[in-house]
Amino acid sequence: MNPSVLFGSGAMLVIVDLAVTIAISRSAIYEPSQKRIQYLLIRLVPVVGAVVAWCVLRTQSEPFEAGKEISTGNPHIAENYPDRNEGNSSHDAGDHGGP
């Protein structure tokens, strides 16, 4: 294999690992012990470790949208949360759909 290809691949690997390591160090979703485990994963299994750590970081750090509805798949769950059902008079009256 061409030495320049090997050097380029190695340099790219170092850059990706470094970028993911910096992203993890700046993240607030991990405790310090979890960050150390992520760093070890990235160093010991470079490509897979970086991809796994990046994917977990991206899925856990998606910004919460205040106006976005959270769907539980159960239409009756809304009865238990009056702040999501401000105009629901049946909740205010204590009627929970029972006999």
PDB file of N, CA and C in Angstrom:
ATOM      1  N   MET A   1       0.849  -1.182   0.000  1.00  0.00           N
ATOM      2  CA  MET A   1       0.000   0.000   0.000  1.00  0.00           C
ATOM      3  C   MET A   1       0.893   1.243   0.000  1.00  0.00           C
ATOM      4  N   ASN A   2       0.434   2.268  -0.627  1.00  0.00           N
ATOM      5  CA  ASN A   2       1.164   3.519  -0.770  1.00  0.00           C
ATOM      6  C   ASN A   2       1.355   4.175   0.605  1.00  0.00           C
ATOM      7  N   PRO A   3       2.578   4.594   0.953  1.00  0.00           N
ATOM      8  CA  PRO A   3       2.822   5.226   2.261  1.00  0.00           C
ATOM      9  C   PRO A   3       2.022   6.506   2.476  1.00  0.00           C
ATOM     10  N   SER A   4       1.771   7.257   1.416  1.00  0.00           N
ATOM     11  CA  SER A   4       1.005   8.497   1.589  1.00  0.00           C
ATOM     12  C   SER A   4      -0.458   8.194   1.931  1.00  0.00           C
ATOM     13  N   VAL A   5      -1.002   7.090   1.415  1.00  0.00           N
ATOM     14  CA  VAL A   5      -2.367   6.686   1.755  1.00  0.00           C
ATOM     15  C   VAL A   5      -2.431   6.274   3.224  1.00  0.00           C
ATOM     16  N   LEU A   6      -1.432   5.521   3.659  1.00  0.00           N
ATOM     17  CA  LEU A   6      -1.377   5.117   5.068  1.00  0.00           C
ATOM     18  C   LEU A   6      -1.240   6.326   5.979  1.00  0.00           C
ATOM     19  N   PHE A   7      -0.380   7.258   5.590  1.00  0.00           N
ATOM     20  CA  PHE A   7      -0.198   8.459   6.405  1.00  0.00           C
ATOM     21  C   PHE A   7      -1.490   9.281   6.451  1.00  0.00           C
ATOM     22  N   GLY A   8      -2.135   9.436   5.289  1.00  0.00           N
ATOM     23  CA  GLY A   8      -3.389  10.195   5.228  1.00  0.00           C
ATOM     24  C   GLY A   8      -4.486   9.536   6.054  1.00  0.00           C
ATOM     25  N   SER A   9      -4.580   8.208   5.984  1.00  0.00           N
ATOM     26  CA  SER A   9      -5.582   7.484   6.765  1.00  0.00           C
ATOM     27  C   SER A   9      -5.307   7.622   8.254  1.00  0.00           C
ATOM     28  N   GLY A  10      -4.044   7.515   8.623  1.00  0.00           N
ATOM     29  CA  GLY A  10      -3.674   7.660  10.033  1.00  0.00           C
ATOM     30  C   GLY A  10      -3.947   9.062  10.545  1.00  0.00           C
ATOM     31  N   ALA A  11      -3.643  10.056   9.727  1.00  0.00           N
ATOM     32  CA  ALA A  11      -3.899  11.440  10.130  1.00  0.00           C
ATOM     33  C   ALA A  11      -5.389  11.699  10.279  1.00  0.00           C
ATOM     34  N   MET A  12      -6.183  11.164   9.360  1.00  0.00           N
ATOM     35  CA  MET A  12      -7.637  11.334   9.436  1.00  0.00           C
ATOM     36  C   MET A  12      -8.191  10.657  10.688  1.00  0.00           C
ATOM     37  N   LEU A  13      -7.664   9.491  11.007  1.00  0.00           N
ATOM     38  CA  LEU A  13      -8.093   8.767  12.205  1.00  0.00           C
ATOM     39  C   LEU A  13      -7.783   9.570  13.463  1.00  0.00           C
ATOM     40  N   VAL A  14      -6.608  10.156  13.525  1.00  0.00           N
ATOM     41  CA  VAL A  14      -6.223  10.971  14.675  1.00  0.00           C
ATOM     42  C   VAL A  14      -7.120  12.200  14.788  1.00  0.00           C
ATOM     43  N   ILE A  15      -7.427  12.834  13.685  1.00  0.00           N
ATOM     44  CA  ILE A  15      -8.277  14.031  13.693  1.00  0.00           C
ATOM     45  C   ILE A  15      -9.690  13.688  14.162  1.00  0.00           C
ATOM     46  N   VAL A  16     -10.251  12.590  13.647  1.00  0.00           N
ATOM     47  CA  VAL A  16     -11.602  12.186  14.054  1.00  0.00           C
ATOM     48  C   VAL A  16     -11.619  11.817  15.536  1.00  0.00           C
ATOM     49  N   ASP A  17     -10.643  11.032  15.980  1.00  0.00           N
ATOM     50  CA  ASP A  17     -10.568  10.655  17.393  1.00  0.00           C
ATOM     51  C   ASP A  17     -10.427  11.883  18.291  1.00  0.00           C
ATOM     52  N   LEU A  18      -9.620  12.823  17.859  1.00  0.00           N
ATOM     53  CA  LEU A  18      -9.429  14.048  18.634  1.00  0.00           C
ATOM     54  C   LEU A  18     -10.714  14.874  18.685  1.00  0.00           C
ATOM     55  N   ALA A  19     -11.408  14.975  17.568  1.00  0.00           N
ATOM     56  CA  ALA A  19     -12.661  15.735  17.539  1.00  0.00           C
ATOM     57  C   ALA A  19     -13.711  15.107  18.457  1.00  0.00           C
ATOM     58  N   VAL A  20     -13.836  13.789  18.434  1.00  0.00           N
ATOM     59  CA  VAL A  20     -14.804  13.118  19.296  1.00  0.00           C
ATOM     60  C   VAL A  20     -14.385  13.242  20.765  1.00  0.00           C
ATOM     61  N   THR A  21     -13.097  13.147  21.040  1.00  0.00           N
ATOM     62  CA  THR A  21     -12.607  13.306  22.411  1.00  0.00           C
ATOM     63  C   THR A  21     -12.924  14.700  22.942  1.00  0.00           C
ATOM     64  N   ILE A  22     -12.733  15.718  22.135  1.00  0.00           N
ATOM     65  CA  ILE A  22     -13.050  17.089  22.549  1.00  0.00           C
ATOM     66  C   ILE A  22     -14.552  17.247  22.768  1.00  0.00           C
ATOM     67  N   ALA A  23     -15.358  16.677  21.876  1.00  0.00           N
ATOM     68  CA  ALA A  23     -16.814  16.763  22.029  1.00  0.00           C
ATOM     69  C   ALA A  23     -17.266  16.098  23.319  1.00  0.00           C
ATOM     70  N   ILE A  24     -16.675  14.967  23.657  1.00  0.00           N
ATOM     71  CA  ILE A  24     -17.026  14.279  24.901  1.00  0.00           C
ATOM     72  C   ILE A  24     -16.582  15.089  26.099  1.00  0.00           C
ATOM     73  N   SER A  25     -15.395  15.667  26.048  1.00  0.00           N
ATOM     74  CA  SER A  25     -14.905  16.441  27.189  1.00  0.00           C
ATOM     75  C   SER A  25     -15.750  17.680  27.451  1.00  0.00           C
ATOM     76  N   ARG A  26     -16.360  18.235  26.414  1.00  0.00           N
ATOM     77  CA  ARG A  26     -17.223  19.410  26.576  1.00  0.00           C
ATOM     78  C   ARG A  26     -18.665  19.050  26.919  1.00  0.00           C
ATOM     79  N   SER A  27     -19.004  17.786  26.811  1.00  0.00           N
ATOM     80  CA  SER A  27     -20.376  17.338  27.023  1.00  0.00           C
ATOM     81  C   SER A  27     -20.732  17.327  28.510  1.00  0.00           C
ATOM     82  N   ALA A  28     -21.972  17.687  28.783  1.00  0.00           N
ATOM     83  CA  ALA A  28     -22.465  17.664  30.161  1.00  0.00           C
ATOM     84  C   ALA A  28     -23.268  16.408  30.467  1.00  0.00           C
ATOM     85  N   ILE A  29     -23.432  15.518  29.486  1.00  0.00           N
ATOM     86  CA  ILE A  29     -24.266  14.342  29.711  1.00  0.00           C
ATOM     87  C   ILE A  29     -23.508  13.199  30.363  1.00  0.00           C
ATOM     88  N   TYR A  30     -22.176  13.262  30.382  1.00  0.00           N
ATOM     89  CA  TYR A  30     -21.376  12.203  30.979  1.00  0.00           C
ATOM     90  C   TYR A  30     -20.789  12.652  32.308  1.00  0.00           C
ATOM     91  N   GLU A  31     -20.699  11.718  33.241  1.00  0.00           N
ATOM     92  CA  GLU A  31     -19.961  11.949  34.481  1.00  0.00           C
ATOM     93  C   GLU A  31     -18.483  11.749  34.160  1.00  0.00           C
ATOM     94  N   PRO A  32     -17.580  12.246  35.021  1.00  0.00           N
ATOM     95  CA  PRO A  32     -16.141  12.094  34.732  1.00  0.00           C
ATOM     96  C   PRO A  32     -15.705  10.637  34.523  1.00  0.00           C
ATOM     97  N   SER A  33     -16.252   9.712  35.290  1.00  0.00           N
ATOM     98  CA  SER A  33     -15.866   8.305  35.113  1.00  0.00           C
ATOM     99  C   SER A  33     -16.359   7.773  33.762  1.00  0.00           C
ATOM    100  N   GLN A  34     -17.532   8.212  33.324  1.00  0.00           N
ATOM    101  CA  GLN A  34     -18.046   7.795  32.018  1.00  0.00           C
ATOM    102  C   GLN A  34     -17.209   8.392  30.888  1.00  0.00           C
ATOM    103  N   LYS A  35     -16.737   9.609  31.089  1.00  0.00           N
ATOM    104  CA  LYS A  35     -15.875  10.232  30.077  1.00  0.00           C
ATOM    105  C   LYS A  35     -14.579   9.448  29.929  1.00  0.00           C
ATOM    106  N   ARG A  36     -14.002   9.011  31.045  1.00  0.00           N
ATOM    107  CA  ARG A  36     -12.765   8.223  30.973  1.00  0.00           C
ATOM    108  C   ARG A  36     -12.990   6.917  30.217  1.00  0.00           C
ATOM    109  N   ILE A  37     -14.136   6.280  30.440  1.00  0.00           N
ATOM    110  CA  ILE A  37     -14.452   5.043  29.724  1.00  0.00           C
ATOM    111  C   ILE A  37     -14.597   5.318  28.232  1.00  0.00           C
ATOM    112  N   GLN A  38     -15.245   6.415  27.880  1.00  0.00           N
ATOM    113  CA  GLN A  38     -15.386   6.781  26.465  1.00  0.00           C
ATOM    114  C   GLN A  38     -14.017   7.045  25.834  1.00  0.00           C
ATOM    115  N   TYR A  39     -13.135   7.742  26.574  1.00  0.00           N
ATOM    116  CA  TYR A  39     -11.789   8.012  26.049  1.00  0.00           C
ATOM    117  C   TYR A  39     -11.046   6.702  25.787  1.00  0.00           C
ATOM    118  N   LEU A  40     -11.152   5.755  26.727  1.00  0.00           N
ATOM    119  CA  LEU A  40     -10.495   4.459  26.545  1.00  0.00           C
ATOM    120  C   LEU A  40     -11.072   3.720  25.332  1.00  0.00           C
ATOM    121  N   LEU A  41     -12.372   3.756  25.183  1.00  0.00           N
ATOM    122  CA  LEU A  41     -13.007   3.103  24.041  1.00  0.00           C
ATOM    123  C   LEU A  41     -12.486   3.685  22.727  1.00  0.00           C
ATOM    124  N   ILE A  42     -12.369   4.999  22.674  1.00  0.00           N
ATOM    125  CA  ILE A  42     -11.874   5.658  21.457  1.00  0.00           C
ATOM    126  C   ILE A  42     -10.424   5.273  21.180  1.00  0.00           C
ATOM    127  N   ARG A  43      -9.603   5.178  22.223  1.00  0.00           N
ATOM    128  CA  ARG A  43      -8.182   4.865  22.033  1.00  0.00           C
ATOM    129  C   ARG A  43      -7.950   3.388  21.728  1.00  0.00           C
ATOM    130  N   LEU A  44      -8.709   2.501  22.369  1.00  0.00           N
ATOM    131  CA  LEU A  44      -8.460   1.072  22.197  1.00  0.00           C
ATOM    132  C   LEU A  44      -9.092   0.508  20.922  1.00  0.00           C
ATOM    133  N   VAL A  45     -10.221   1.045  20.520  1.00  0.00           N
ATOM    134  CA  VAL A  45     -10.898   0.612  19.293  1.00  0.00           C
ATOM    135  C   VAL A  45     -11.156   1.884  18.485  1.00  0.00           C
ATOM    136  N   PRO A  46     -10.140   2.396  17.799  1.00  0.00           N
ATOM    137  CA  PRO A  46     -10.207   3.740  17.223  1.00  0.00           C
ATOM    138  C   PRO A  46     -11.404   4.051  16.321  1.00  0.00           C
ATOM    139  N   VAL A  47     -11.643   3.300  15.314  1.00  0.00           N
ATOM    140  CA  VAL A  47     -12.713   3.657  14.376  1.00  0.00           C
ATOM    141  C   VAL A  47     -14.083   3.387  14.993  1.00  0.00           C
ATOM    142  N   VAL A  48     -14.305   2.181  15.449  1.00  0.00           N
ATOM    143  CA  VAL A  48     -15.600   1.810  16.019  1.00  0.00           C
ATOM    144  C   VAL A  48     -15.874   2.598  17.294  1.00  0.00           C
ATOM    145  N   GLY A  49     -14.862   2.756  18.139  1.00  0.00           N
ATOM    146  CA  GLY A  49     -15.039   3.503  19.385  1.00  0.00           C
ATOM    147  C   GLY A  49     -15.445   4.941  19.144  1.00  0.00           C
ATOM    148  N   ALA A  50     -14.822   5.585  18.185  1.00  0.00           N
ATOM    149  CA  ALA A  50     -15.159   6.973  17.870  1.00  0.00           C
ATOM    150  C   ALA A  50     -16.556   7.084  17.293  1.00  0.00           C
ATOM    151  N   VAL A  51     -16.928   6.158  16.428  1.00  0.00           N
ATOM    152  CA  VAL A  51     -18.267   6.195  15.813  1.00  0.00           C
ATOM    153  C   VAL A  51     -19.337   5.960  16.881  1.00  0.00           C
ATOM    154  N   VAL A  52     -19.144   4.968  17.736  1.00  0.00           N
ATOM    155  CA  VAL A  52     -20.119   4.677  18.794  1.00  0.00           C
ATOM    156  C   VAL A  52     -20.238   5.857  19.748  1.00  0.00           C
ATOM    157  N   ALA A  53     -19.111   6.396  20.199  1.00  0.00           N
ATOM    158  CA  ALA A  53     -19.133   7.525  21.125  1.00  0.00           C
ATOM    159  C   ALA A  53     -19.819   8.735  20.489  1.00  0.00           C
ATOM    160  N   TRP A  54     -19.542   9.004  19.223  1.00  0.00           N
ATOM    161  CA  TRP A  54     -20.151  10.140  18.524  1.00  0.00           C
ATOM    162  C   TRP A  54     -21.658   9.951  18.387  1.00  0.00           C
ATOM    163  N   CYS A  55     -22.081   8.742  18.024  1.00  0.00           N
ATOM    164  CA  CYS A  55     -23.519   8.476  17.864  1.00  0.00           C
ATOM    165  C   CYS A  55     -24.259   8.627  19.189  1.00  0.00           C
ATOM    166  N   VAL A  56     -23.696   8.110  20.253  1.00  0.00           N
ATOM    167  CA  VAL A  56     -24.325   8.250  21.572  1.00  0.00           C
ATOM    168  C   VAL A  56     -24.373   9.715  21.969  1.00  0.00           C
ATOM    169  N   LEU A  57     -23.308  10.418  21.743  1.00  0.00           N
ATOM    170  CA  LEU A  57     -23.258  11.835  22.093  1.00  0.00           C
ATOM    171  C   LEU A  57     -24.295  12.630  21.309  1.00  0.00           C
ATOM    172  N   ARG A  58     -24.440  12.350  20.032  1.00  0.00           N
ATOM    173  CA  ARG A  58     -25.400  13.074  19.192  1.00  0.00           C
ATOM    174  C   ARG A  58     -26.848  12.770  19.578  1.00  0.00           C
ATOM    175  N   THR A  59     -27.138  11.520  19.905  1.00  0.00           N
ATOM    176  CA  THR A  59     -28.520  11.175  20.253  1.00  0.00           C
ATOM    177  C   THR A  59     -28.908  11.706  21.619  1.00  0.00           C
ATOM    178  N   GLN A  60     -27.959  11.803  22.520  1.00  0.00           N
ATOM    179  CA  GLN A  60     -28.260  12.266  23.868  1.00  0.00           C
ATOM    180  C   GLN A  60     -28.250  13.773  23.992  1.00  0.00           C
ATOM    181  N   SER A  61     -27.646  14.465  23.055  1.00  0.00           N
ATOM    182  CA  SER A  61     -27.522  15.915  23.186  1.00  0.00           C
ATOM    183  C   SER A  61     -28.411  16.682  22.214  1.00  0.00           C
ATOM    184  N   GLU A  62     -29.453  16.026  21.683  1.00  0.00           N
ATOM    185  CA  GLU A  62     -30.370  16.752  20.816  1.00  0.00           C
ATOM    186  C   GLU A  62     -31.097  17.802  21.630  1.00  0.00           C
ATOM    187  N   PRO A  63     -31.189  19.023  21.126  1.00  0.00           N
ATOM    188  CA  PRO A  63     -31.826  20.092  21.898  1.00  0.00           C
ATOM    189  C   PRO A  63     -33.309  19.838  22.101  1.00  0.00           C
ATOM    190  N   PHE A  64     -33.783  20.144  23.278  1.00  0.00           N
ATOM    191  CA  PHE A  64     -35.196  19.990  23.601  1.00  0.00           C
ATOM    192  C   PHE A  64     -35.948  21.188  23.055  1.00  0.00           C
ATOM    193  N   GLU A  65     -37.028  20.928  22.348  1.00  0.00           N
ATOM    194  CA  GLU A  65     -37.858  22.000  21.812  1.00  0.00           C
ATOM    195  C   GLU A  65     -39.044  22.192  22.738  1.00  0.00           C
ATOM    196  N   ALA A  66     -39.174  23.378  23.300  1.00  0.00           N
ATOM    197  CA  ALA A  66     -40.190  23.643  24.307  1.00  0.00           C
ATOM    198  C   ALA A  66     -41.607  23.424  23.811  1.00  0.00           C
ATOM    199  N   GLY A  67     -41.907  23.750  22.579  1.00  0.00           N
ATOM    200  CA  GLY A  67     -43.262  23.625  22.077  1.00  0.00           C
ATOM    201  C   GLY A  67     -43.572  22.261  21.482  1.00  0.00           C
ATOM    202  N   LYS A  68     -42.608  21.361  21.481  1.00  0.00           N
ATOM    203  CA  LYS A  68     -42.788  20.073  20.831  1.00  0.00           C
ATOM    204  C   LYS A  68     -43.565  19.116  21.734  1.00  0.00           C
ATOM    205  N   GLU A  69     -44.570  18.475  21.164  1.00  0.00           N
ATOM    206  CA  GLU A  69     -45.358  17.489  21.905  1.00  0.00           C
ATOM    207  C   GLU A  69     -44.566  16.196  22.037  1.00  0.00           C
ATOM    208  N   ILE A  70     -44.657  15.591  23.179  1.00  0.00           N
ATOM    209  CA  ILE A  70     -44.018  14.307  23.413  1.00  0.00           C
ATOM    210  C   ILE A  70     -45.113  13.252  23.343  1.00  0.00           C
ATOM    211  N   SER A  71     -45.007  12.368  22.396  1.00  0.00           N
ATOM    212  CA  SER A  71     -46.034  11.358  22.203  1.00  0.00           C
ATOM    213  C   SER A  71     -45.676  10.097  22.970  1.00  0.00           C
ATOM    214  N   THR A  72     -46.619   9.617  23.770  1.00  0.00           N
ATOM    215  CA  THR A  72     -46.413   8.374  24.499  1.00  0.00           C
ATOM    216  C   THR A  72     -47.071   7.213  23.795  1.00  0.00           C
ATOM    217  N   GLY A  73     -47.925   7.498  22.831  1.00  0.00           N
ATOM    218  CA  GLY A  73     -48.644   6.457  22.143  1.00  0.00           C
ATOM    219  C   GLY A  73     -49.919   6.062  22.865  1.00  0.00           C
ATOM    220  N   ASN A  74     -50.160   6.620  24.040  1.00  0.00           N
ATOM    221  CA  ASN A  74     -51.342   6.313  24.827  1.00  0.00           C
ATOM    222  C   ASN A  74     -52.148   7.592  25.007  1.00  0.00           C
ATOM    223  N   PRO A  75     -53.331   7.709  24.397  1.00  0.00           N
ATOM    224  CA  PRO A  75     -54.096   8.958  24.485  1.00  0.00           C
ATOM    225  C   PRO A  75     -54.604   9.254  25.891  1.00  0.00           C
ATOM    226  N   HIS A  76     -54.649   8.270  26.767  1.00  0.00           N
ATOM    227  CA  HIS A  76     -55.160   8.475  28.123  1.00  0.00           C
ATOM    228  C   HIS A  76     -54.106   9.047  29.070  1.00  0.00           C
ATOM    229  N   ILE A  77     -52.847   9.039  28.670  1.00  0.00           N
ATOM    230  CA  ILE A  77     -51.772   9.574  29.504  1.00  0.00           C
ATOM    231  C   ILE A  77     -51.974  11.063  29.749  1.00  0.00           C
ATOM    232  N   ALA A  78     -52.511  11.796  28.793  1.00  0.00           N
ATOM    233  CA  ALA A  78     -52.684  13.245  28.916  1.00  0.00           C
ATOM    234  C   ALA A  78     -53.569  13.601  30.103  1.00  0.00           C
ATOM    235  N   GLU A  79     -54.443  12.700  30.527  1.00  0.00           N
ATOM    236  CA  GLU A  79     -55.317  12.977  31.677  1.00  0.00           C
ATOM    237  C   GLU A  79     -54.514  13.141  32.962  1.00  0.00           C
ATOM    238  N   ASN A  80     -53.361  12.524  33.037  1.00  0.00           N
ATOM    239  CA  ASN A  80     -52.550  12.589  34.253  1.00  0.00           C
ATOM    240  C   ASN A  80     -51.672  13.831  34.319  1.00  0.00           C
ATOM    241  N   TYR A  81     -51.646  14.625  33.262  1.00  0.00           N
ATOM    242  CA  TYR A  81     -50.793  15.802  33.202  1.00  0.00           C
ATOM    243  C   TYR A  81     -51.647  17.032  32.906  1.00  0.00           C
ATOM    244  N   PRO A  82     -52.179  17.689  33.950  1.00  0.00           N
ATOM    245  CA  PRO A  82     -53.081  18.813  33.721  1.00  0.00           C
ATOM    246  C   PRO A  82     -52.438  19.996  33.004  1.00  0.00           C
ATOM    247  N   ASP A  83     -51.129  20.202  33.146  1.00  0.00           N
ATOM    248  CA  ASP A  83     -50.491  21.341  32.478  1.00  0.00           C
ATOM    249  C   ASP A  83     -50.479  21.149  30.963  1.00  0.00           C
ATOM    250  N   ARG A  84     -50.599  19.942  30.470  1.00  0.00           N
ATOM    251  CA  ARG A  84     -50.687  19.682  29.034  1.00  0.00           C
ATOM    252  C   ARG A  84     -52.135  19.709  28.565  1.00  0.00           C
ATOM    253  N   ASN A  85     -53.070  19.728  29.505  1.00  0.00           N
ATOM    254  CA  ASN A  85     -54.494  19.682  29.198  1.00  0.00           C
ATOM    255  C   ASN A  85     -55.206  20.859  29.851  1.00  0.00           C
ATOM    256  N   GLU A  86     -54.700  22.053  29.666  1.00  0.00           N
ATOM    257  CA  GLU A  86     -55.228  23.219  30.365  1.00  0.00           C
ATOM    258  C   GLU A  86     -56.711  23.440  30.111  1.00  0.00           C
ATOM    259  N   GLY A  87     -57.206  23.158  28.921  1.00  0.00           N
ATOM    260  CA  GLY A  87     -58.600  23.412  28.596  1.00  0.00           C
ATOM    261  C   GLY A  87     -59.504  22.225  28.841  1.00  0.00           C
ATOM    262  N   ASN A  88     -59.018  21.169  29.448  1.00  0.00           N
ATOM    263  CA  ASN A  88     -59.801  19.962  29.650  1.00  0.00           C
ATOM    264  C   ASN A  88     -60.636  20.096  30.909  1.00  0.00           C
ATOM    265  N   SER A  89     -61.932  20.330  30.755  1.00  0.00           N
ATOM    266  CA  SER A  89     -62.806  20.531  31.910  1.00  0.00           C
ATOM    267  C   SER A  89     -63.065  19.231  32.638  1.00  0.00           C
ATOM    268  N   SER A  90     -62.969  18.086  31.979  1.00  0.00           N
ATOM    269  CA  SER A  90     -63.231  16.810  32.651  1.00  0.00           C
ATOM    270  C   SER A  90     -62.161  16.538  33.694  1.00  0.00           C
ATOM    271  N   HIS A  91     -60.921  17.020  33.461  1.00  0.00           N
ATOM    272  CA  HIS A  91     -59.883  16.813  34.457  1.00  0.00           C
ATOM    273  C   HIS A  91     -60.126  17.665  35.690  1.00  0.00           C
ATOM    274  N   ASP A  92     -60.553  18.906  35.454  1.00  0.00           N
ATOM    275  CA  ASP A  92     -60.811  19.826  36.573  1.00  0.00           C
ATOM    276  C   ASP A  92     -61.957  19.335  37.436  1.00  0.00           C
ATOM    277  N   ALA A  93     -62.905  18.636  36.848  1.00  0.00           N
ATOM    278  CA  ALA A  93     -64.075  18.175  37.586  1.00  0.00           C
ATOM    279  C   ALA A  93     -63.813  16.872  38.308  1.00  0.00           C
ATOM    280  N   GLY A  94     -62.644  16.288  38.117  1.00  0.00           N
ATOM    281  CA  GLY A  94     -62.323  15.051  38.776  1.00  0.00           C
ATOM    282  C   GLY A  94     -62.820  13.826  38.028  1.00  0.00           C
ATOM    283  N   ASP A  95     -63.375  13.994  36.840  1.00  0.00           N
ATOM    284  CA  ASP A  95     -63.876  12.892  36.049  1.00  0.00           C
ATOM    285  C   ASP A  95     -62.713  12.274  35.270  1.00  0.00           C
ATOM    286  N   HIS A  96     -62.331  11.060  35.616  1.00  0.00           N
ATOM    287  CA  HIS A  96     -61.221  10.404  34.960  1.00  0.00           C
ATOM    288  C   HIS A  96     -61.685   9.301  34.031  1.00  0.00           C
ATOM    289  N   GLY A  97     -62.933   9.350  33.634  1.00  0.00           N
ATOM    290  CA  GLY A  97     -63.436   8.389  32.675  1.00  0.00           C
ATOM    291  C   GLY A  97     -63.936   7.095  33.307  1.00  0.00           C
ATOM    292  N   GLY A  98     -63.891   6.997  34.595  1.00  0.00           N
ATOM    293  CA  GLY A  98     -64.327   5.773  35.282  1.00  0.00           C
ATOM    294  C   GLY A  98     -65.826   5.780  35.541  1.00  0.00           C
ATOM    295  N   PRO A  99     -66.376   4.643  36.011  1.00  0.00           N
ATOM    296  CA  PRO A  99     -67.823   4.581  36.279  1.00  0.00           C
ATOM    297  C   PRO A  99     -68.229   5.363  37.491  1.00  0.00           C
TER     298      PRO A  99
END
